[in-house]
Amino acid sequence: MAPRSIQFYLDREKEKENFNKMDEVSTELATGRAGFYLDYTLRTDAADYQKYFQPRVVTFGPVHHGQPKYERAEKFKLIMAGNFIRYSDQQRHDLLSKIADRFYVLRASYNWEVTKKYDNDYLAWMFFIDGCSMLQFIHERHTRGSSQAPFDEQDLFLLENQIPYEVLRLLMESSTKFEEFSTSVHKFVQRQFSTTQSAHESNSAIIEIANGPVIETYSHTPTPTPTHLLDLLRKLFSGDKDNTVTERDMQRSSTFALLN
């Protein structure tokens, strides 16, 4: 892991190009010049076991990023990220800078073989777009019951489709809507947990840990966080009230550790 004191400076020209692309995609959607839809029938894999690893609709993180079949979903991510930025009432450069400030720690979450083909600016932008779009999708699903982006919720919990939870935390804490986003994330994960448990088991588990750190809204005081969204779900399944991420947790549930 790189020392925290090492600073990563964004390439402002690349940043400008990336934000211009985001604006162009949003304009295409607003003017109806682009057909934004996702064909779920194309997301069926021959090997059944791949459904636990291979995203059906949308990728998050570097493992499956860039595959042609997810190209349409990338446009939706840009749109959702733009919506998150506007709703957060923050300057987009300031939000991106939060990712840059912790970039080397975030990059070290993955094995080098997974990220070596991406330069620092590209990977920082990936973390930024993936984090913003994921938070916006979760918030819309929680508050409205639907989302502008037709993503598959299961994709957010696949082992090889995770981004560091630190990305989500940085973006939420930088937003003026911190409480809203934090609540949406935890309720979203709770609902995912409930759908895979019997009514009795899920209700008991949720009541049991309702006062625990995993359900509480995060404060701005630095506290241990889950490794990623899947790890947060795992804590619900295990009834783990301790929100501390241990080395054993990493070996048991972290896609990053498993890729090492």
C-alpha atoms as a PDB file:
ATOM      1  CA  MET A   1       0.000   0.000   0.000  1.00  0.00           C
ATOM      2  CA  ALA A   2       1.359   3.400  -0.938  1.00  0.00           C
ATOM      3  CA  PRO A   3       2.023   5.874   1.886  1.00  0.00           C
ATOM      4  CA  ARG A   4      -0.907   8.175   2.523  1.00  0.00           C
ATOM      5  CA  SER A   5       1.357  11.201   2.249  1.00  0.00           C
ATOM      6  CA  ILE A   6       1.926  10.625  -1.471  1.00  0.00           C
ATOM      7  CA  GLN A   7      -0.221  13.046  -3.436  1.00  0.00           C
ATOM      8  CA  PHE A   8      -1.852  12.224  -6.763  1.00  0.00           C
ATOM      9  CA  TYR A   9      -2.508  15.231  -8.967  1.00  0.00           C
ATOM     10  CA  LEU A  10      -5.230  15.024 -11.585  1.00  0.00           C
ATOM     11  CA  ASP A  11      -4.469  15.823 -15.202  1.00  0.00           C
ATOM     12  CA  ARG A  12      -6.774  18.807 -15.683  1.00  0.00           C
ATOM     13  CA  GLU A  13      -6.938  18.363 -19.481  1.00  0.00           C
ATOM     14  CA  LYS A  14      -8.078  14.758 -19.115  1.00  0.00           C
ATOM     15  CA  GLU A  15     -10.504  15.849 -16.433  1.00  0.00           C
ATOM     16  CA  LYS A  16     -11.989  18.460 -18.761  1.00  0.00           C
ATOM     17  CA  GLU A  17     -12.361  15.902 -21.568  1.00  0.00           C
ATOM     18  CA  ASN A  18     -14.101  13.457 -19.233  1.00  0.00           C
ATOM     19  CA  PHE A  19     -16.560  16.035 -17.938  1.00  0.00           C
ATOM     20  CA  ASN A  20     -17.273  17.189 -21.502  1.00  0.00           C
ATOM     21  CA  LYS A  21     -18.166  13.617 -22.416  1.00  0.00           C
ATOM     22  CA  MET A  22     -20.508  13.459 -19.428  1.00  0.00           C
ATOM     23  CA  ASP A  23     -22.224  16.647 -20.593  1.00  0.00           C
ATOM     24  CA  GLU A  24     -22.565  15.332 -24.158  1.00  0.00           C
ATOM     25  CA  VAL A  25     -24.258  12.119 -23.038  1.00  0.00           C
ATOM     26  CA  SER A  26     -26.676  14.055 -20.820  1.00  0.00           C
ATOM     27  CA  THR A  27     -27.518  16.334 -23.758  1.00  0.00           C
ATOM     28  CA  GLU A  28     -28.169  13.334 -26.014  1.00  0.00           C
ATOM     29  CA  LEU A  29     -30.620  11.947 -23.500  1.00  0.00           C
ATOM     30  CA  ALA A  30     -32.380  15.291 -22.982  1.00  0.00           C
ATOM     31  CA  THR A  31     -32.799  15.925 -26.707  1.00  0.00           C
ATOM     32  CA  GLY A  32     -33.789  12.370 -27.551  1.00  0.00           C
ATOM     33  CA  ARG A  33     -30.913  11.994 -30.015  1.00  0.00           C
ATOM     34  CA  ALA A  34     -29.774   8.728 -28.479  1.00  0.00           C
ATOM     35  CA  GLY A  35     -31.701   5.565 -27.757  1.00  0.00           C
ATOM     36  CA  PHE A  36     -30.793   4.568 -24.235  1.00  0.00           C
ATOM     37  CA  TYR A  37     -31.932   1.064 -23.472  1.00  0.00           C
ATOM     38  CA  LEU A  38     -30.403  -2.154 -22.225  1.00  0.00           C
ATOM     39  CA  ASP A  39     -31.073  -5.580 -23.701  1.00  0.00           C
ATOM     40  CA  TYR A  40     -31.239  -7.991 -20.785  1.00  0.00           C
ATOM     41  CA  THR A  41     -31.391 -10.998 -23.117  1.00  0.00           C
ATOM     42  CA  LEU A  42     -27.775 -10.376 -24.073  1.00  0.00           C
ATOM     43  CA  ARG A  43     -26.643 -10.827 -20.482  1.00  0.00           C
ATOM     44  CA  THR A  44     -27.182 -14.587 -20.264  1.00  0.00           C
ATOM     45  CA  ASP A  45     -24.024 -16.633 -19.738  1.00  0.00           C
ATOM     46  CA  ALA A  46     -23.676 -20.289 -20.692  1.00  0.00           C
ATOM     47  CA  ALA A  47     -21.954 -21.314 -17.464  1.00  0.00           C
ATOM     48  CA  ASP A  48     -24.402 -20.989 -14.587  1.00  0.00           C
ATOM     49  CA  TYR A  49     -21.691 -20.306 -12.042  1.00  0.00           C
ATOM     50  CA  GLN A  50     -20.704 -17.122 -13.875  1.00  0.00           C
ATOM     51  CA  LYS A  51     -23.848 -15.419 -12.614  1.00  0.00           C
ATOM     52  CA  TYR A  52     -22.083 -15.071  -9.286  1.00  0.00           C
ATOM     53  CA  PHE A  53     -19.168 -13.189 -10.832  1.00  0.00           C
ATOM     54  CA  GLN A  54     -20.059 -11.851 -14.287  1.00  0.00           C
ATOM     55  CA  PRO A  55     -22.267  -8.722 -14.278  1.00  0.00           C
ATOM     56  CA  ARG A  56     -25.526  -9.049 -16.168  1.00  0.00           C
ATOM     57  CA  VAL A  57     -26.003  -5.394 -17.109  1.00  0.00           C
ATOM     58  CA  VAL A  58     -23.477  -2.992 -15.622  1.00  0.00           C
ATOM     59  CA  THR A  59     -19.897  -3.123 -14.370  1.00  0.00           C
ATOM     60  CA  PHE A  60     -18.418  -1.414 -11.336  1.00  0.00           C
ATOM     61  CA  GLY A  61     -14.701  -1.397 -10.677  1.00  0.00           C
ATOM     62  CA  PRO A  62     -11.845  -2.513 -12.934  1.00  0.00           C
ATOM     63  CA  VAL A  63     -12.336  -6.293 -13.177  1.00  0.00           C
ATOM     64  CA  HIS A  64     -14.946  -6.404 -15.967  1.00  0.00           C
ATOM     65  CA  HIS A  65     -14.618  -2.798 -17.100  1.00  0.00           C
ATOM     66  CA  GLY A  66     -14.390  -2.064 -20.810  1.00  0.00           C
ATOM     67  CA  GLN A  67     -16.110  -5.158 -22.184  1.00  0.00           C
ATOM     68  CA  PRO A  68     -18.198  -4.253 -25.263  1.00  0.00           C
ATOM     69  CA  LYS A  69     -21.442  -5.783 -23.987  1.00  0.00           C
ATOM     70  CA  TYR A  70     -21.529  -3.223 -21.156  1.00  0.00           C
ATOM     71  CA  GLU A  71     -20.995  -0.185 -23.392  1.00  0.00           C
ATOM     72  CA  ARG A  72     -24.598   1.032 -23.199  1.00  0.00           C
ATOM     73  CA  ALA A  73     -24.582   0.843 -19.425  1.00  0.00           C
ATOM     74  CA  GLU A  74     -21.517   3.107 -19.366  1.00  0.00           C
ATOM     75  CA  LYS A  75     -23.628   5.912 -20.844  1.00  0.00           C
ATOM     76  CA  PHE A  76     -26.214   5.427 -18.141  1.00  0.00           C
ATOM     77  CA  LYS A  77     -23.468   5.638 -15.521  1.00  0.00           C
ATOM     78  CA  LEU A  78     -22.396   9.030 -16.869  1.00  0.00           C
ATOM     79  CA  ILE A  79     -25.972  10.278 -16.690  1.00  0.00           C
ATOM     80  CA  MET A  80     -26.477   8.959 -13.164  1.00  0.00           C
ATOM     81  CA  ALA A  81     -23.159  10.425 -12.040  1.00  0.00           C
ATOM     82  CA  GLY A  82     -24.208  13.808 -13.386  1.00  0.00           C
ATOM     83  CA  ASN A  83     -27.481  13.569 -11.472  1.00  0.00           C
ATOM     84  CA  PHE A  84     -25.595  12.715  -8.278  1.00  0.00           C
ATOM     85  CA  ILE A  85     -23.300  15.708  -8.679  1.00  0.00           C
ATOM     86  CA  ARG A  86     -26.198  18.102  -9.205  1.00  0.00           C
ATOM     87  CA  TYR A  87     -28.206  16.700  -6.301  1.00  0.00           C
ATOM     88  CA  SER A  88     -25.156  16.782  -4.042  1.00  0.00           C
ATOM     89  CA  ASP A  89     -24.909  20.527  -4.629  1.00  0.00           C
ATOM     90  CA  GLN A  90     -21.125  20.313  -4.968  1.00  0.00           C
ATOM     91  CA  GLN A  91     -18.641  21.283  -7.660  1.00  0.00           C
ATOM     92  CA  ARG A  92     -17.750  18.216  -9.687  1.00  0.00           C
ATOM     93  CA  HIS A  93     -14.021  18.965  -9.584  1.00  0.00           C
ATOM     94  CA  ASP A  94     -14.180  19.109  -5.787  1.00  0.00           C
ATOM     95  CA  LEU A  95     -15.850  15.699  -5.628  1.00  0.00           C
ATOM     96  CA  LEU A  96     -13.328  14.194  -8.025  1.00  0.00           C
ATOM     97  CA  SER A  97     -10.515  15.691  -5.951  1.00  0.00           C
ATOM     98  CA  LYS A  98     -11.758  13.768  -2.919  1.00  0.00           C
ATOM     99  CA  ILE A  99     -11.105  10.555  -4.839  1.00  0.00           C
ATOM    100  CA  ALA A 100      -7.712  11.827  -5.984  1.00  0.00           C
ATOM    101  CA  ASP A 101      -6.692  12.629  -2.397  1.00  0.00           C
ATOM    102  CA  ARG A 102      -7.141   8.975  -1.425  1.00  0.00           C
ATOM    103  CA  PHE A 103      -6.294   7.490  -4.803  1.00  0.00           C
ATOM    104  CA  TYR A 104      -3.265   5.385  -3.895  1.00  0.00           C
ATOM    105  CA  VAL A 105      -5.079   3.819  -0.972  1.00  0.00           C
ATOM    106  CA  LEU A 106      -8.019   3.012  -3.243  1.00  0.00           C
ATOM    107  CA  ARG A 107      -5.811   1.592  -5.973  1.00  0.00           C
ATOM    108  CA  ALA A 108      -4.021  -0.611  -3.451  1.00  0.00           C
ATOM    109  CA  SER A 109      -7.359  -2.296  -2.685  1.00  0.00           C
ATOM    110  CA  TYR A 110      -6.839  -4.359  -5.836  1.00  0.00           C
ATOM    111  CA  ASN A 111      -4.126  -6.698  -6.964  1.00  0.00           C
ATOM    112  CA  TRP A 112      -1.762  -4.956  -9.372  1.00  0.00           C
ATOM    113  CA  GLU A 113      -2.645  -7.418 -12.144  1.00  0.00           C
ATOM    114  CA  VAL A 114      -6.239  -6.132 -12.062  1.00  0.00           C
ATOM    115  CA  THR A 115      -5.391  -2.448 -12.424  1.00  0.00           C
ATOM    116  CA  LYS A 116      -2.052  -2.368 -14.257  1.00  0.00           C
ATOM    117  CA  LYS A 117      -3.628  -1.613 -17.656  1.00  0.00           C
ATOM    118  CA  TYR A 118      -5.212   1.611 -16.344  1.00  0.00           C
ATOM    119  CA  ASP A 119      -3.245   4.792 -15.775  1.00  0.00           C
ATOM    120  CA  ASN A 120      -3.898   6.783 -12.616  1.00  0.00           C
ATOM    121  CA  ASP A 121      -6.200   9.371 -14.178  1.00  0.00           C
ATOM    122  CA  TYR A 122      -8.296   6.724 -15.911  1.00  0.00           C
ATOM    123  CA  LEU A 123      -8.690   4.665 -12.748  1.00  0.00           C
ATOM    124  CA  ALA A 124      -9.489   7.726 -10.615  1.00  0.00           C
ATOM    125  CA  TRP A 125     -12.182   8.690 -13.124  1.00  0.00           C
ATOM    126  CA  MET A 126     -13.529   5.118 -13.035  1.00  0.00           C
ATOM    127  CA  PHE A 127     -13.793   5.216  -9.234  1.00  0.00           C
ATOM    128  CA  PHE A 128     -15.489   8.609  -9.442  1.00  0.00           C
ATOM    129  CA  ILE A 129     -18.105   7.680 -12.074  1.00  0.00           C
ATOM    130  CA  ASP A 130     -18.774   4.264 -10.577  1.00  0.00           C
ATOM    131  CA  GLY A 131     -19.171   5.677  -7.073  1.00  0.00           C
ATOM    132  CA  CYS A 132     -21.404   8.584  -8.117  1.00  0.00           C
ATOM    133  CA  SER A 133     -23.618   6.475 -10.373  1.00  0.00           C
ATOM    134  CA  MET A 134     -23.934   3.666  -7.825  1.00  0.00           C
ATOM    135  CA  LEU A 135     -24.985   6.072  -5.075  1.00  0.00           C
ATOM    136  CA  GLN A 136     -27.496   7.813  -7.339  1.00  0.00           C
ATOM    137  CA  PHE A 137     -28.990   4.508  -8.482  1.00  0.00           C
ATOM    138  CA  ILE A 138     -29.309   3.281  -4.886  1.00  0.00           C
ATOM    139  CA  HIS A 139     -30.835   6.571  -3.747  1.00  0.00           C
ATOM    140  CA  GLU A 140     -33.414   6.561  -6.543  1.00  0.00           C
ATOM    141  CA  ARG A 141     -34.344   2.943  -5.896  1.00  0.00           C
ATOM    142  CA  HIS A 142     -34.804   3.654  -2.199  1.00  0.00           C
ATOM    143  CA  THR A 143     -36.669   6.957  -2.453  1.00  0.00           C
ATOM    144  CA  ARG A 144     -38.705   6.391  -5.632  1.00  0.00           C
ATOM    145  CA  GLY A 145     -38.865   2.617  -5.952  1.00  0.00           C
ATOM    146  CA  SER A 146     -37.379   2.871  -9.454  1.00  0.00           C
ATOM    147  CA  SER A 147     -34.438   4.457 -11.217  1.00  0.00           C
ATOM    148  CA  GLN A 148     -33.725   6.244 -14.469  1.00  0.00           C
ATOM    149  CA  ALA A 149     -31.030   3.640 -15.098  1.00  0.00           C
ATOM    150  CA  PRO A 150     -32.347   0.109 -15.746  1.00  0.00           C
ATOM    151  CA  PHE A 151     -29.521  -1.585 -13.871  1.00  0.00           C
ATOM    152  CA  ASP A 152     -29.805  -5.044 -12.352  1.00  0.00           C
ATOM    153  CA  GLU A 153     -29.618  -4.728  -8.558  1.00  0.00           C
ATOM    154  CA  GLN A 154     -27.883  -8.094  -8.310  1.00  0.00           C
ATOM    155  CA  ASP A 155     -24.921  -6.681 -10.222  1.00  0.00           C
ATOM    156  CA  LEU A 156     -24.152  -4.396  -7.274  1.00  0.00           C
ATOM    157  CA  PHE A 157     -23.499  -7.405  -5.051  1.00  0.00           C
ATOM    158  CA  LEU A 158     -21.348  -9.578  -7.315  1.00  0.00           C
ATOM    159  CA  LEU A 159     -17.943 -10.540  -5.974  1.00  0.00           C
ATOM    160  CA  GLU A 160     -15.981  -9.245  -8.961  1.00  0.00           C
ATOM    161  CA  ASN A 161     -18.097  -6.122  -9.400  1.00  0.00           C
ATOM    162  CA  GLN A 162     -17.143  -4.140  -6.326  1.00  0.00           C
ATOM    163  CA  ILE A 163     -15.501  -0.784  -5.663  1.00  0.00           C
ATOM    164  CA  PRO A 164     -13.969   0.151  -2.302  1.00  0.00           C
ATOM    165  CA  TYR A 165     -16.597   1.350   0.154  1.00  0.00           C
ATOM    166  CA  GLU A 166     -14.194   4.187   0.867  1.00  0.00           C
ATOM    167  CA  VAL A 167     -15.198   5.654  -2.519  1.00  0.00           C
ATOM    168  CA  LEU A 168     -18.850   5.725  -1.487  1.00  0.00           C
ATOM    169  CA  ARG A 169     -18.004   7.152   1.917  1.00  0.00           C
ATOM    170  CA  LEU A 170     -15.877   9.952   0.469  1.00  0.00           C
ATOM    171  CA  LEU A 171     -18.615  10.965  -1.962  1.00  0.00           C
ATOM    172  CA  MET A 172     -21.395  10.784   0.622  1.00  0.00           C
ATOM    173  CA  GLU A 173     -19.475  12.803   3.183  1.00  0.00           C
ATOM    174  CA  SER A 174     -18.621  15.418   0.547  1.00  0.00           C
ATOM    175  CA  SER A 175     -22.272  15.799  -0.408  1.00  0.00           C
ATOM    176  CA  THR A 176     -24.704  18.198   1.238  1.00  0.00           C
ATOM    177  CA  LYS A 177     -27.151  15.250   1.252  1.00  0.00           C
ATOM    178  CA  PHE A 178     -24.950  12.974   3.363  1.00  0.00           C
ATOM    179  CA  GLU A 179     -27.727  11.740   5.650  1.00  0.00           C
ATOM    180  CA  GLU A 180     -30.016  10.943   2.721  1.00  0.00           C
ATOM    181  CA  PHE A 181     -27.443   8.956   0.785  1.00  0.00           C
ATOM    182  CA  SER A 182     -26.175   7.115   3.856  1.00  0.00           C
ATOM    183  CA  THR A 183     -29.702   6.075   4.807  1.00  0.00           C
ATOM    184  CA  SER A 184     -30.461   5.000   1.230  1.00  0.00           C
ATOM    185  CA  VAL A 185     -27.367   2.770   1.079  1.00  0.00           C
ATOM    186  CA  HIS A 186     -28.147   0.975   4.316  1.00  0.00           C
ATOM    187  CA  LYS A 187     -31.853   0.558   3.553  1.00  0.00           C
ATOM    188  CA  PHE A 188     -30.996  -0.703   0.081  1.00  0.00           C
ATOM    189  CA  VAL A 189     -28.662  -3.340   1.514  1.00  0.00           C
ATOM    190  CA  GLN A 190     -31.236  -4.236   4.155  1.00  0.00           C
ATOM    191  CA  ARG A 191     -33.821  -4.850   1.449  1.00  0.00           C
ATOM    192  CA  GLN A 192     -31.391  -7.029  -0.474  1.00  0.00           C
ATOM    193  CA  PHE A 193     -30.829  -9.027   2.687  1.00  0.00           C
ATOM    194  CA  SER A 194     -34.564  -9.395   3.285  1.00  0.00           C
ATOM    195  CA  THR A 195     -35.233 -10.830  -0.167  1.00  0.00           C
ATOM    196  CA  THR A 196     -32.868 -13.729   0.479  1.00  0.00           C
ATOM    197  CA  GLN A 197     -34.129 -14.653   3.927  1.00  0.00           C
ATOM    198  CA  SER A 198     -37.418 -15.945   5.274  1.00  0.00           C
ATOM    199  CA  ALA A 199     -39.694 -13.311   6.758  1.00  0.00           C
ATOM    200  CA  HIS A 200     -38.960 -14.469  10.283  1.00  0.00           C
ATOM    201  CA  GLU A 201     -35.204 -14.682   9.817  1.00  0.00           C
ATOM    202  CA  SER A 202     -34.866 -11.346   8.054  1.00  0.00           C
ATOM    203  CA  ASN A 203     -37.080  -9.469  10.510  1.00  0.00           C
ATOM    204  CA  SER A 204     -35.265 -10.957  13.478  1.00  0.00           C
ATOM    205  CA  ALA A 205     -31.856 -10.166  12.054  1.00  0.00           C
ATOM    206  CA  ILE A 206     -32.750  -6.602  11.118  1.00  0.00           C
ATOM    207  CA  ILE A 207     -34.294  -5.945  14.533  1.00  0.00           C
ATOM    208  CA  GLU A 208     -31.314  -7.536  16.259  1.00  0.00           C
ATOM    209  CA  ILE A 209     -28.747  -5.284  14.619  1.00  0.00           C
ATOM    210  CA  ALA A 210     -30.908  -2.203  14.121  1.00  0.00           C
ATOM    211  CA  ASN A 211     -28.981  -0.426  16.855  1.00  0.00           C
ATOM    212  CA  GLY A 212     -25.602  -1.613  15.625  1.00  0.00           C
ATOM    213  CA  PRO A 213     -23.021   0.397  13.669  1.00  0.00           C
ATOM    214  CA  VAL A 214     -23.877  -1.263  10.361  1.00  0.00           C
ATOM    215  CA  ILE A 215     -27.341   0.318  10.347  1.00  0.00           C
ATOM    216  CA  GLU A 216     -26.491   3.620  11.960  1.00  0.00           C
ATOM    217  CA  THR A 217     -25.875   6.625   9.765  1.00  0.00           C
ATOM    218  CA  TYR A 218     -22.162   7.317   9.608  1.00  0.00           C
ATOM    219  CA  SER A 219     -20.874  10.317  11.488  1.00  0.00           C
ATOM    220  CA  HIS A 220     -18.094  12.496  10.165  1.00  0.00           C
ATOM    221  CA  THR A 221     -15.818  11.039  12.816  1.00  0.00           C
ATOM    222  CA  PRO A 222     -13.453   8.562  11.135  1.00  0.00           C
ATOM    223  CA  THR A 223     -14.694   5.015  11.817  1.00  0.00           C
ATOM    224  CA  PRO A 224     -13.903   1.609  10.314  1.00  0.00           C
ATOM    225  CA  THR A 225     -16.009   0.924   7.250  1.00  0.00           C
ATOM    226  CA  PRO A 226     -16.991  -2.176   5.292  1.00  0.00           C
ATOM    227  CA  THR A 227     -14.644  -3.277   2.550  1.00  0.00           C
ATOM    228  CA  HIS A 228     -17.311  -2.782  -0.115  1.00  0.00           C
ATOM    229  CA  LEU A 229     -21.071  -3.032  -0.600  1.00  0.00           C
ATOM    230  CA  LEU A 230     -21.004  -6.830  -0.638  1.00  0.00           C
ATOM    231  CA  ASP A 231     -19.165  -6.806   2.687  1.00  0.00           C
ATOM    232  CA  LEU A 232     -21.912  -4.628   4.163  1.00  0.00           C
ATOM    233  CA  LEU A 233     -24.439  -7.236   3.025  1.00  0.00           C
ATOM    234  CA  ARG A 234     -22.287  -9.992   4.516  1.00  0.00           C
ATOM    235  CA  LYS A 235     -22.380  -8.239   7.885  1.00  0.00           C
ATOM    236  CA  LEU A 236     -26.177  -8.388   7.802  1.00  0.00           C
ATOM    237  CA  PHE A 237     -26.109 -12.107   7.053  1.00  0.00           C
ATOM    238  CA  SER A 238     -23.621 -12.820   9.823  1.00  0.00           C
ATOM    239  CA  GLY A 239     -25.323 -10.529  12.327  1.00  0.00           C
ATOM    240  CA  ASP A 240     -21.991  -8.795  12.779  1.00  0.00           C
ATOM    241  CA  LYS A 241     -22.506  -5.709  14.924  1.00  0.00           C
ATOM    242  CA  ASP A 242     -18.826  -4.871  14.776  1.00  0.00           C
ATOM    243  CA  ASN A 243     -18.223  -2.701  11.737  1.00  0.00           C
ATOM    244  CA  THR A 244     -14.477  -3.268  11.909  1.00  0.00           C
ATOM    245  CA  VAL A 245     -12.938  -4.832   8.810  1.00  0.00           C
ATOM    246  CA  THR A 246     -10.396  -7.415   9.906  1.00  0.00           C
ATOM    247  CA  GLU A 247      -7.839  -9.366   7.911  1.00  0.00           C
ATOM    248  CA  ARG A 248     -10.084 -12.416   8.257  1.00  0.00           C
ATOM    249  CA  ASP A 249     -12.978 -10.444   6.778  1.00  0.00           C
ATOM    250  CA  MET A 250     -10.815  -9.551   3.822  1.00  0.00           C
ATOM    251  CA  GLN A 251      -9.945 -13.193   3.181  1.00  0.00           C
ATOM    252  CA  ARG A 252     -13.547 -14.365   3.575  1.00  0.00           C
ATOM    253  CA  SER A 253     -15.488 -11.800   1.638  1.00  0.00           C
ATOM    254  CA  SER A 254     -13.364  -9.263  -0.176  1.00  0.00           C
ATOM    255  CA  THR A 255     -13.203  -9.516  -3.925  1.00  0.00           C
ATOM    256  CA  PHE A 256     -10.001  -7.515  -3.699  1.00  0.00           C
ATOM    257  CA  ALA A 257      -8.307 -10.009  -1.388  1.00  0.00           C
ATOM    258  CA  LEU A 258      -9.489 -12.962  -3.460  1.00  0.00           C
ATOM    259  CA  LEU A 259      -7.909 -11.408  -6.537  1.00  0.00           C
ATOM    260  CA  ASN A 260      -4.512 -11.153  -4.835  1.00  0.00           C
END
